[in-house]
Amino acid sequence: MAYLIRRGPCYYLNLRLPQHLFPRCHTLRLSLNVRHRQSALFLATALAQQVHGHLSEHPLADLQTLRRLCTQWRDAYPAPSSMHHSHQPIVKPAKPIADGPALSTLSKLYIEEGKRGGTWRTVSTFEVERALRDLFDLMGDMPIEAFDTQQARLLKERLSRCPQYFGLRPEFEGKTLRQVVESGGTHKTITAVTVNNRLRKLSAFMNWCKANGYITDNPLAGLKMMTGASKEARLSFDNGDLRTLLDLNTLQAEARKHPWRYWLPLLGRCTGARLEELCQLRVDDFIEQQGIQCLRIDDTHERQNLKNASSRRLLPIHPTLIELGLLRHVEKVRTSGADRLFRELEPVRGKLGHAPSKWFGRYKTKRGIVDPKKTFHSFRHTLIDDLRDAGVQDSLIKRIVGHEDGSVTFSIYGSRSPLKAMVVALRHIELAPQAQAIQTFMGSESNGE
């Protein structure tokens, strides 16, 4: 609904925008350059109709684009007789800089086609939509042909200055992403890896536009920030780190309200699985195969996603985890009627591992491990290093951690999981010397409930 406000002698358009499209600022205010109420009401109504029409075709349009268009429409609108008293000059509409459909129109078609065809996982869909949102927040909407190599370089430069956690930090409330980027503030920016991930998803969108005949060349092709792989890589934990992080009494205290705080670090150490793979485990993922207690990493159920096909695997459960009561905990969750092992975890931006990742960062820092290159993912690197040091074949290590392996023996003919070989390999993985101390705690917890 559009309505008028008056400031001094002039009337202003005050247009309420759909809140689900503009959650941060859903009011469009624009001077009408009109002093007569009837003329202002006539013009405001016309502008409101054009805005709503534009949003129906371009739902990803940003507020700055709408304000620019409204200014053009206002200046070009034929004036009724009552508007001539305002002495407002009639300006011809600005010529579009290029023909063809707008980026927002094509992005909508791209997303709809990707969802219909099952092209992306749930997490990937969110990441594609976020990359497109960044494109429009930073560059605005424009005809596809107007987005050239110069615009692409400018996008990369602006992406590199985007702050971390833009939507969560209170100091950015009420500001657009572009306003923050252009403010010259000293905020912590997203990493080069993140910038390149966004550019890669936007380049895929441009490739789709090219394949569908909307453009002849992809201006984002090959565009990325230079990164130092060794500087960005995560580090393994040393033995001192493992003793500190896997101190069972400390984990017991951390897990008083959230059992996943106890089990996730132990599972990470004993399986080398990715955090998201562990967070999405279900009670029916714990099975027995060939007389061996196993956990299954799969994506057959809702809220289960895998990085790639090689991530689908069956792993023997480390005997220490069984001694610590993991299977008893699984059975207790199953008896409660829950499907997921860590049922209290809720997805944030499509990921169940969001809260555990934040907690583990705080936990390791509190325990004196402050190197930013040491994260939960370091458990994965540590397991791989330990298995290699023990002389385990790389092909078997890849099967354990879910890495792609090009060897003929395993990738083509080895569809059956080599569970017995995995059992032998995982015996080389030691947990912590305090394992026995916690059994009483886990047993009393189970008995007390």
Protein backbone atom coordinates (compact mmCIF):
# COMPACT_ATOMS: atom_id res chain seq x y z
CA MET A 1 0.00 0.00 0.00
CA ALA A 2 1.31 3.41 -0.93
CA TYR A 3 0.60 6.49 1.11
CA LEU A 4 1.91 10.03 1.33
CA ILE A 5 3.87 11.93 3.87
CA ARG A 6 4.70 15.58 3.72
CA ARG A 7 8.01 17.18 4.60
CA GLY A 8 8.02 20.91 4.30
CA PRO A 9 6.31 21.96 1.08
CA CYS A 10 6.81 18.64 -0.78
CA TYR A 11 5.07 15.29 -0.71
CA TYR A 12 6.92 11.99 -0.49
CA LEU A 13 6.02 8.49 -1.58
CA ASN A 14 6.11 6.05 1.35
CA LEU A 15 5.70 2.58 -0.12
CA ARG A 16 5.58 -0.56 2.02
CA LEU A 17 7.45 -3.37 0.29
CA PRO A 18 6.88 -7.12 0.86
CA GLN A 19 8.74 -7.99 4.04
CA HIS A 20 9.70 -11.48 2.86
CA LEU A 21 11.59 -9.87 -0.06
CA PHE A 22 13.04 -6.97 1.95
CA PRO A 23 13.52 -8.24 5.52
CA ARG A 24 16.05 -5.58 6.51
CA CYS A 25 14.37 -2.45 5.17
CA HIS A 26 10.90 -2.80 3.68
CA THR A 27 9.94 0.84 3.12
CA LEU A 28 10.71 2.77 -0.07
CA ARG A 29 10.67 6.55 0.45
CA LEU A 30 11.08 8.97 -2.43
CA SER A 31 10.43 12.68 -2.95
CA LEU A 32 7.70 13.25 -5.53
CA ASN A 33 8.80 16.86 -6.15
CA VAL A 34 5.12 17.80 -5.93
CA ARG A 35 3.45 20.34 -3.63
CA HIS A 36 -0.21 19.61 -4.38
CA ARG A 37 -1.81 16.67 -2.58
CA GLN A 38 -4.10 15.52 -5.40
CA SER A 39 -1.23 15.50 -7.89
CA ALA A 40 1.00 13.69 -5.38
CA LEU A 41 -1.64 11.03 -4.76
CA PHE A 42 -2.04 10.47 -8.49
CA LEU A 43 1.70 10.08 -9.01
CA ALA A 44 2.21 7.89 -5.90
CA THR A 45 -0.49 5.47 -7.03
CA ALA A 46 1.07 5.17 -10.47
CA LEU A 47 4.55 4.57 -9.03
CA ALA A 48 3.23 1.94 -6.60
CA GLN A 49 1.67 0.01 -9.47
CA GLN A 50 4.92 0.09 -11.43
CA VAL A 51 6.96 -1.06 -8.40
CA HIS A 52 4.67 -4.01 -7.72
CA GLY A 53 4.71 -4.92 -11.39
CA HIS A 54 8.50 -4.83 -11.44
CA LEU A 55 8.74 -6.99 -8.30
CA SER A 56 6.44 -9.61 -9.77
CA GLU A 57 8.91 -10.03 -12.65
CA HIS A 58 12.13 -9.30 -10.71
CA PRO A 59 11.68 -10.62 -7.14
CA LEU A 60 15.41 -10.35 -6.43
CA ALA A 61 15.55 -6.62 -7.16
CA ASP A 62 17.28 -4.66 -4.41
CA LEU A 63 16.10 -1.45 -2.77
CA GLN A 64 18.63 0.75 -4.54
CA THR A 65 17.49 -0.50 -7.94
CA LEU A 66 13.85 0.19 -7.06
CA ARG A 67 14.69 3.70 -5.91
CA ARG A 68 16.61 4.39 -9.13
CA LEU A 69 13.74 3.09 -11.26
CA CYS A 70 11.18 5.08 -9.28
CA THR A 71 13.19 8.23 -9.87
CA GLN A 72 13.21 7.56 -13.61
CA TRP A 73 9.48 6.77 -13.67
CA ARG A 74 8.69 9.84 -11.60
CA ASP A 75 10.67 12.17 -13.83
CA ALA A 76 9.24 10.67 -17.01
CA TYR A 77 5.62 10.44 -15.93
CA PRO A 78 3.16 12.62 -17.94
CA ALA A 79 1.94 15.35 -15.65
CA PRO A 80 -1.82 15.93 -15.17
CA SER A 81 -3.06 19.50 -15.21
CA SER A 82 -2.88 19.77 -11.45
CA MET A 83 0.80 18.88 -11.50
CA HIS A 84 1.89 21.77 -13.70
CA HIS A 85 1.80 24.10 -10.69
CA SER A 86 4.76 22.28 -9.22
CA HIS A 87 6.91 23.50 -12.13
CA GLN A 88 8.41 20.02 -12.25
CA PRO A 89 10.24 19.57 -15.55
CA ILE A 90 9.38 16.48 -17.53
CA VAL A 91 12.51 14.46 -18.17
CA LYS A 92 12.71 11.81 -20.84
CA PRO A 93 13.25 8.30 -19.47
CA ALA A 94 16.84 7.16 -19.32
CA LYS A 95 17.84 4.92 -22.19
CA PRO A 96 18.66 1.39 -21.13
CA ILE A 97 22.31 0.65 -21.47
CA ALA A 98 21.62 -2.74 -23.02
CA ASP A 99 18.80 -4.90 -24.27
CA GLY A 100 17.81 -8.36 -23.18
CA PRO A 101 16.31 -9.86 -20.01
CA ALA A 102 17.44 -8.69 -16.60
CA LEU A 103 19.79 -10.67 -14.40
CA SER A 104 17.04 -11.07 -11.80
CA THR A 105 14.64 -12.58 -14.35
CA LEU A 106 17.23 -15.10 -15.52
CA SER A 107 18.33 -15.95 -11.99
CA LYS A 108 14.76 -16.83 -11.11
CA LEU A 109 14.51 -19.12 -14.15
CA TYR A 110 17.88 -20.66 -13.27
CA ILE A 111 16.86 -21.47 -9.70
CA GLU A 112 13.49 -22.86 -10.77
CA GLU A 113 15.12 -25.11 -13.36
CA GLY A 114 17.75 -26.31 -10.89
CA LYS A 115 15.10 -27.20 -8.31
CA ARG A 116 12.86 -28.95 -10.84
CA GLY A 117 15.71 -31.05 -12.16
CA GLY A 118 17.08 -31.95 -8.74
CA THR A 119 20.40 -30.42 -9.73
CA TRP A 120 21.35 -29.24 -6.25
CA ARG A 121 21.21 -30.60 -2.75
CA THR A 122 19.34 -28.51 -0.16
CA VAL A 123 22.58 -26.95 1.08
CA SER A 124 23.76 -26.26 -2.47
CA THR A 125 20.46 -24.56 -3.34
CA PHE A 126 20.88 -22.23 -0.39
CA GLU A 127 24.47 -21.43 -1.41
CA VAL A 128 23.45 -20.69 -5.00
CA GLU A 129 20.66 -18.38 -3.82
CA ARG A 130 23.06 -16.65 -1.41
CA ALA A 131 25.61 -16.08 -4.18
CA LEU A 132 22.91 -14.55 -6.39
CA ARG A 133 21.71 -12.40 -3.50
CA ASP A 134 25.26 -11.09 -3.07
CA LEU A 135 25.38 -10.30 -6.80
CA PHE A 136 22.25 -8.15 -6.61
CA ASP A 137 23.15 -6.58 -3.26
CA LEU A 138 26.57 -5.52 -4.54
CA MET A 139 25.87 -4.72 -8.19
CA GLY A 140 22.12 -4.15 -8.47
CA ASP A 141 19.98 -5.52 -11.25
CA MET A 142 20.79 -4.89 -14.91
CA PRO A 143 20.25 -6.40 -18.35
CA ILE A 144 22.32 -9.53 -18.78
CA GLU A 145 24.28 -7.98 -21.66
CA ALA A 146 25.34 -5.08 -19.42
CA PHE A 147 27.19 -7.42 -17.08
CA ASP A 148 30.57 -7.45 -18.83
CA THR A 149 34.13 -8.19 -17.75
CA GLN A 150 34.46 -4.78 -16.12
CA GLN A 151 31.37 -5.47 -14.01
CA ALA A 152 32.76 -8.92 -13.18
CA ARG A 153 36.04 -7.44 -11.89
CA LEU A 154 34.11 -4.92 -9.82
CA LEU A 155 32.00 -7.72 -8.35
CA LYS A 156 35.11 -9.66 -7.34
CA GLU A 157 36.59 -6.57 -5.72
CA ARG A 158 33.39 -5.87 -3.75
CA LEU A 159 33.02 -9.50 -2.71
CA SER A 160 36.54 -9.43 -1.29
CA ARG A 161 35.48 -6.61 1.05
CA CYS A 162 32.29 -8.27 2.30
CA PRO A 163 32.15 -8.71 6.09
CA GLN A 164 31.85 -12.06 7.80
CA TYR A 165 28.41 -12.86 9.27
CA PHE A 166 26.83 -9.79 7.66
CA GLY A 167 23.27 -10.81 8.50
CA LEU A 168 24.04 -11.67 12.13
CA ARG A 169 26.10 -8.73 13.38
CA PRO A 170 24.14 -5.94 15.09
CA GLU A 171 26.43 -3.14 13.87
CA PHE A 172 25.25 -3.79 10.30
CA GLU A 173 21.55 -3.68 11.10
CA GLY A 174 19.65 -1.33 8.81
CA LYS A 175 22.50 -1.18 6.29
CA THR A 176 22.75 -2.81 2.90
CA LEU A 177 25.69 -5.04 2.05
CA ARG A 178 26.92 -2.50 -0.47
CA GLN A 179 26.75 0.31 2.07
CA VAL A 180 28.94 -1.69 4.45
CA VAL A 181 31.40 -2.62 1.70
CA GLU A 182 31.72 0.98 0.52
CA SER A 183 31.92 2.44 4.03
CA GLY A 184 35.64 1.70 4.29
CA GLY A 185 35.16 0.17 7.74
CA THR A 186 37.69 -2.14 9.39
CA HIS A 187 35.47 -5.22 9.64
CA LYS A 188 36.80 -8.76 9.24
CA THR A 189 36.15 -9.86 5.67
CA ILE A 190 35.20 -13.23 4.23
CA THR A 191 38.12 -15.40 3.14
CA ALA A 192 39.47 -15.69 -0.39
CA VAL A 193 38.19 -19.26 -0.44
CA THR A 194 34.65 -18.02 0.28
CA VAL A 195 34.95 -15.33 -2.39
CA ASN A 196 36.01 -17.95 -4.93
CA ASN A 197 33.16 -20.24 -3.93
CA ARG A 198 30.66 -17.43 -4.60
CA LEU A 199 32.32 -16.57 -7.92
CA ARG A 200 32.25 -20.22 -8.95
CA LYS A 201 28.50 -20.47 -8.32
CA LEU A 202 27.85 -17.20 -10.16
CA SER A 203 30.02 -18.40 -13.04
CA ALA A 204 27.86 -21.53 -13.24
CA PHE A 205 24.83 -19.24 -13.54
CA MET A 206 26.54 -17.32 -16.35
CA ASN A 207 27.37 -20.59 -18.10
CA TRP A 208 23.69 -21.46 -17.96
CA CYS A 209 22.86 -18.06 -19.48
CA LYS A 210 25.39 -18.72 -22.23
CA ALA A 211 24.08 -22.23 -22.91
CA ASN A 212 20.57 -20.84 -23.21
CA GLY A 213 21.61 -18.16 -25.70
CA TYR A 214 21.27 -15.07 -23.52
CA ILE A 215 24.98 -14.15 -23.78
CA THR A 216 27.83 -15.20 -26.03
CA ASP A 217 30.59 -15.21 -23.39
CA ASN A 218 30.79 -15.79 -19.64
CA PRO A 219 32.42 -12.67 -18.09
CA LEU A 220 33.14 -14.60 -14.88
CA ALA A 221 34.95 -17.48 -16.57
CA GLY A 222 38.23 -18.19 -14.76
CA LEU A 223 37.83 -15.19 -12.44
CA LYS A 224 39.06 -15.85 -8.91
CA MET A 225 41.16 -14.45 -6.12
CA MET A 226 44.68 -15.71 -5.65
CA THR A 227 45.03 -17.88 -2.54
CA GLY A 228 47.92 -19.50 -0.79
CA ALA A 229 46.82 -23.10 -0.36
CA SER A 230 49.32 -23.81 2.39
CA LYS A 231 48.19 -20.77 4.36
CA GLU A 232 44.49 -21.61 4.06
CA ALA A 233 44.85 -25.35 4.79
CA ARG A 234 43.69 -26.74 8.11
CA LEU A 235 46.28 -28.37 10.36
CA SER A 236 46.22 -31.72 12.11
CA PHE A 237 46.04 -31.96 15.90
CA ASP A 238 49.17 -33.11 17.72
CA ASN A 239 49.04 -35.57 20.60
CA GLY A 240 48.88 -32.78 23.16
CA ASP A 241 45.91 -31.25 21.38
CA LEU A 242 44.09 -34.60 21.35
CA ARG A 243 44.67 -35.16 25.07
CA THR A 244 43.35 -31.68 25.78
CA LEU A 245 40.32 -31.80 23.49
CA LEU A 246 39.30 -35.38 24.26
CA ASP A 247 39.64 -35.18 28.03
CA LEU A 248 36.54 -37.17 28.89
CA ASN A 249 35.81 -35.45 32.17
CA THR A 250 35.88 -32.07 30.43
CA LEU A 251 33.64 -33.30 27.63
CA GLN A 252 31.29 -34.74 30.25
CA ALA A 253 30.93 -31.30 31.81
CA GLU A 254 30.37 -29.69 28.39
CA ALA A 255 27.66 -32.21 27.55
CA ARG A 256 25.39 -31.71 30.55
CA LYS A 257 22.77 -29.97 28.40
CA HIS A 258 23.79 -31.14 24.93
CA PRO A 259 24.96 -34.76 24.55
CA TRP A 260 26.32 -34.04 21.07
CA ARG A 261 29.11 -32.02 22.69
CA TYR A 262 30.38 -35.26 24.19
CA TRP A 263 29.95 -37.55 21.21
CA LEU A 264 30.87 -35.40 18.21
CA PRO A 265 34.56 -34.85 19.10
CA LEU A 266 34.94 -38.57 19.92
CA LEU A 267 33.26 -39.59 16.67
CA GLY A 268 35.36 -37.07 14.75
CA ARG A 269 38.54 -38.56 16.17
CA CYS A 270 37.55 -42.21 15.60
CA THR A 271 35.96 -41.92 12.15
CA GLY A 272 37.55 -38.91 10.45
CA ALA A 273 34.06 -38.07 9.18
CA ARG A 274 33.05 -34.54 8.25
CA LEU A 275 31.14 -32.63 10.91
CA GLU A 276 27.97 -32.41 8.82
CA GLU A 277 28.10 -36.17 8.15
CA LEU A 278 28.12 -36.83 11.89
CA CYS A 279 25.45 -34.28 12.78
CA GLN A 280 22.95 -35.86 10.38
CA LEU A 281 23.36 -39.44 11.67
CA ARG A 282 20.13 -41.32 12.35
CA VAL A 283 19.61 -44.17 14.80
CA ASP A 284 18.99 -46.56 11.89
CA ASP A 285 22.44 -45.67 10.53
CA PHE A 286 23.90 -47.92 13.26
CA ILE A 287 23.81 -51.45 11.91
CA GLU A 288 25.66 -54.76 12.04
CA GLN A 289 27.42 -56.08 8.94
CA GLN A 290 29.59 -59.20 8.70
CA GLY A 291 29.33 -59.49 12.48
CA ILE A 292 30.82 -55.98 12.88
CA GLN A 293 29.05 -53.01 14.50
CA CYS A 294 29.03 -50.23 11.89
CA LEU A 295 27.74 -46.75 11.22
CA ARG A 296 26.44 -45.80 7.81
CA ILE A 297 27.06 -42.41 6.22
CA ASP A 298 24.34 -41.87 3.64
CA ASP A 299 21.88 -39.35 2.23
CA THR A 300 18.73 -41.43 1.91
CA HIS A 301 16.68 -39.38 4.38
CA GLU A 302 15.61 -35.77 4.77
CA ARG A 303 18.31 -33.43 6.12
CA GLN A 304 21.02 -35.85 4.99
CA ASN A 305 23.42 -34.51 2.38
CA LEU A 306 26.74 -35.78 1.11
CA LYS A 307 29.59 -33.90 -0.50
CA ASN A 308 29.87 -36.41 -3.35
CA ALA A 309 29.11 -40.04 -4.24
CA SER A 310 32.35 -41.25 -2.62
CA SER A 311 31.16 -39.89 0.72
CA ARG A 312 28.56 -42.69 0.92
CA ARG A 313 30.22 -45.38 3.01
CA LEU A 314 30.02 -47.91 5.84
CA LEU A 315 32.47 -47.66 8.74
CA PRO A 316 33.28 -50.03 11.61
CA ILE A 317 32.59 -48.43 14.98
CA HIS A 318 35.82 -47.98 16.91
CA PRO A 319 35.88 -50.38 19.91
CA THR A 320 36.63 -47.51 22.29
CA LEU A 321 33.38 -45.79 21.27
CA ILE A 322 31.51 -49.00 22.04
CA GLU A 323 33.21 -49.21 25.45
CA LEU A 324 32.22 -45.61 26.16
CA GLY A 325 28.57 -46.44 25.60
CA LEU A 326 27.86 -45.11 22.11
CA LEU A 327 25.55 -47.98 21.21
CA ARG A 328 23.73 -47.62 24.54
CA HIS A 329 23.21 -43.95 23.76
CA VAL A 330 21.91 -44.83 20.29
CA GLU A 331 19.45 -47.30 21.78
CA LYS A 332 18.27 -44.75 24.35
CA VAL A 333 17.56 -42.24 21.57
CA ARG A 334 15.81 -44.93 19.54
CA THR A 335 13.63 -45.87 22.52
CA SER A 336 12.60 -42.22 22.92
CA GLY A 337 11.06 -42.34 19.45
CA ALA A 338 13.52 -39.94 17.82
CA ASP A 339 14.88 -40.63 14.33
CA ARG A 340 18.04 -38.52 14.45
CA LEU A 341 20.85 -39.30 16.86
CA PHE A 342 21.35 -35.62 17.72
CA ARG A 343 17.72 -34.56 17.51
CA GLU A 344 18.23 -31.19 19.21
CA LEU A 345 20.34 -29.88 16.31
CA GLU A 346 18.42 -27.58 13.98
CA PRO A 347 19.64 -26.54 10.52
CA VAL A 348 21.01 -23.03 10.08
CA ARG A 349 21.30 -22.01 6.43
CA GLY A 350 20.72 -25.66 5.58
CA LYS A 351 23.45 -27.10 7.83
CA LEU A 352 22.96 -29.08 11.04
CA GLY A 353 26.62 -28.56 11.94
CA HIS A 354 26.31 -24.79 12.42
CA ALA A 355 25.87 -24.81 16.22
CA PRO A 356 28.44 -27.60 16.82
CA SER A 357 31.00 -25.78 14.69
CA LYS A 358 30.54 -22.56 16.69
CA TRP A 359 30.68 -24.44 19.98
CA PHE A 360 33.84 -26.36 19.06
CA GLY A 361 35.57 -23.11 18.12
CA ARG A 362 34.82 -21.68 21.56
CA TYR A 363 35.69 -24.96 23.28
CA LYS A 364 39.14 -25.39 21.72
CA THR A 365 40.00 -21.76 22.43
CA LYS A 366 38.94 -22.17 26.05
CA ARG A 367 41.19 -25.22 26.23
CA GLY A 368 44.16 -23.20 24.97
CA ILE A 369 44.19 -24.21 21.28
CA VAL A 370 44.00 -20.89 19.48
CA ASP A 371 45.50 -21.64 16.06
CA PRO A 372 42.72 -20.74 13.58
CA LYS A 373 43.94 -23.50 11.25
CA LYS A 374 42.95 -26.10 13.83
CA THR A 375 39.22 -26.74 13.59
CA PHE A 376 36.86 -29.69 13.95
CA HIS A 377 37.95 -30.72 10.45
CA SER A 378 41.43 -31.21 11.88
CA PHE A 379 40.21 -34.51 13.37
CA ARG A 380 39.85 -35.69 9.78
CA HIS A 381 43.38 -34.63 8.84
CA THR A 382 44.74 -36.21 12.04
CA LEU A 383 43.13 -39.58 11.36
CA ILE A 384 44.50 -39.60 7.81
CA ASP A 385 48.00 -38.72 9.07
CA ASP A 386 47.87 -41.40 11.78
CA LEU A 387 46.74 -44.09 9.34
CA ARG A 388 49.47 -43.17 6.87
CA ASP A 389 52.08 -43.22 9.63
CA ALA A 390 50.87 -46.71 10.52
CA GLY A 391 51.45 -47.90 6.94
CA VAL A 392 47.78 -48.23 5.93
CA GLN A 393 47.31 -48.17 2.15
CA ASP A 394 46.06 -44.89 0.73
CA SER A 395 43.26 -46.63 -1.15
CA LEU A 396 41.87 -47.98 2.14
CA ILE A 397 42.29 -44.61 3.87
CA LYS A 398 40.24 -43.01 1.12
CA ARG A 399 37.49 -45.57 1.63
CA ILE A 400 37.44 -44.82 5.35
CA VAL A 401 37.19 -41.02 5.00
CA GLY A 402 35.07 -40.95 1.84
CA HIS A 403 37.60 -39.50 -0.57
CA GLU A 404 37.43 -40.21 -4.28
CA ASP A 405 39.87 -42.87 -5.41
CA GLY A 406 40.78 -43.49 -9.02
CA SER A 407 42.33 -46.92 -8.51
CA VAL A 408 40.70 -49.65 -10.58
CA THR A 409 40.72 -52.14 -7.70
CA PHE A 410 38.53 -50.06 -5.40
CA SER A 411 36.59 -47.63 -7.58
CA ILE A 412 35.33 -50.07 -10.25
CA TYR A 413 35.40 -53.56 -8.78
CA GLY A 414 35.38 -52.74 -5.08
CA SER A 415 31.71 -51.95 -4.41
CA ARG A 416 31.73 -54.04 -1.21
CA SER A 417 33.11 -52.21 1.82
CA PRO A 418 36.34 -53.83 3.07
CA LEU A 419 35.10 -53.81 6.67
CA LYS A 420 37.58 -56.27 8.11
CA ALA A 421 40.51 -54.35 6.64
CA MET A 422 39.01 -51.15 8.07
CA VAL A 423 38.73 -52.74 11.52
CA VAL A 424 42.44 -53.59 11.45
CA ALA A 425 43.35 -50.11 10.21
CA LEU A 426 41.30 -48.28 12.86
CA ARG A 427 43.05 -50.17 15.65
CA HIS A 428 45.93 -47.77 15.04
CA ILE A 429 43.73 -44.85 16.19
CA GLU A 430 44.08 -44.17 19.90
CA LEU A 431 41.56 -41.98 21.68
CA ALA A 432 42.58 -40.86 25.18
CA PRO A 433 43.93 -42.55 28.30
CA GLN A 434 40.92 -41.53 30.45
CA ALA A 435 38.42 -43.75 28.61
CA GLN A 436 37.72 -46.02 31.58
CA ALA A 437 36.92 -43.10 33.89
CA ILE A 438 33.90 -42.03 31.95
CA GLN A 439 32.23 -45.43 31.70
CA THR A 440 30.77 -45.04 35.16
CA PHE A 441 29.36 -41.64 34.23
CA MET A 442 27.76 -42.92 31.04
CA GLY A 443 26.42 -45.96 32.83
CA SER A 444 24.95 -43.92 35.70
CA GLU A 445 23.44 -41.47 33.22
CA SER A 446 21.70 -44.31 31.44
CA ASN A 447 20.50 -45.87 34.69
CA GLY A 448 19.32 -42.57 36.07
CA GLU A 449 17.04 -41.79 33.18
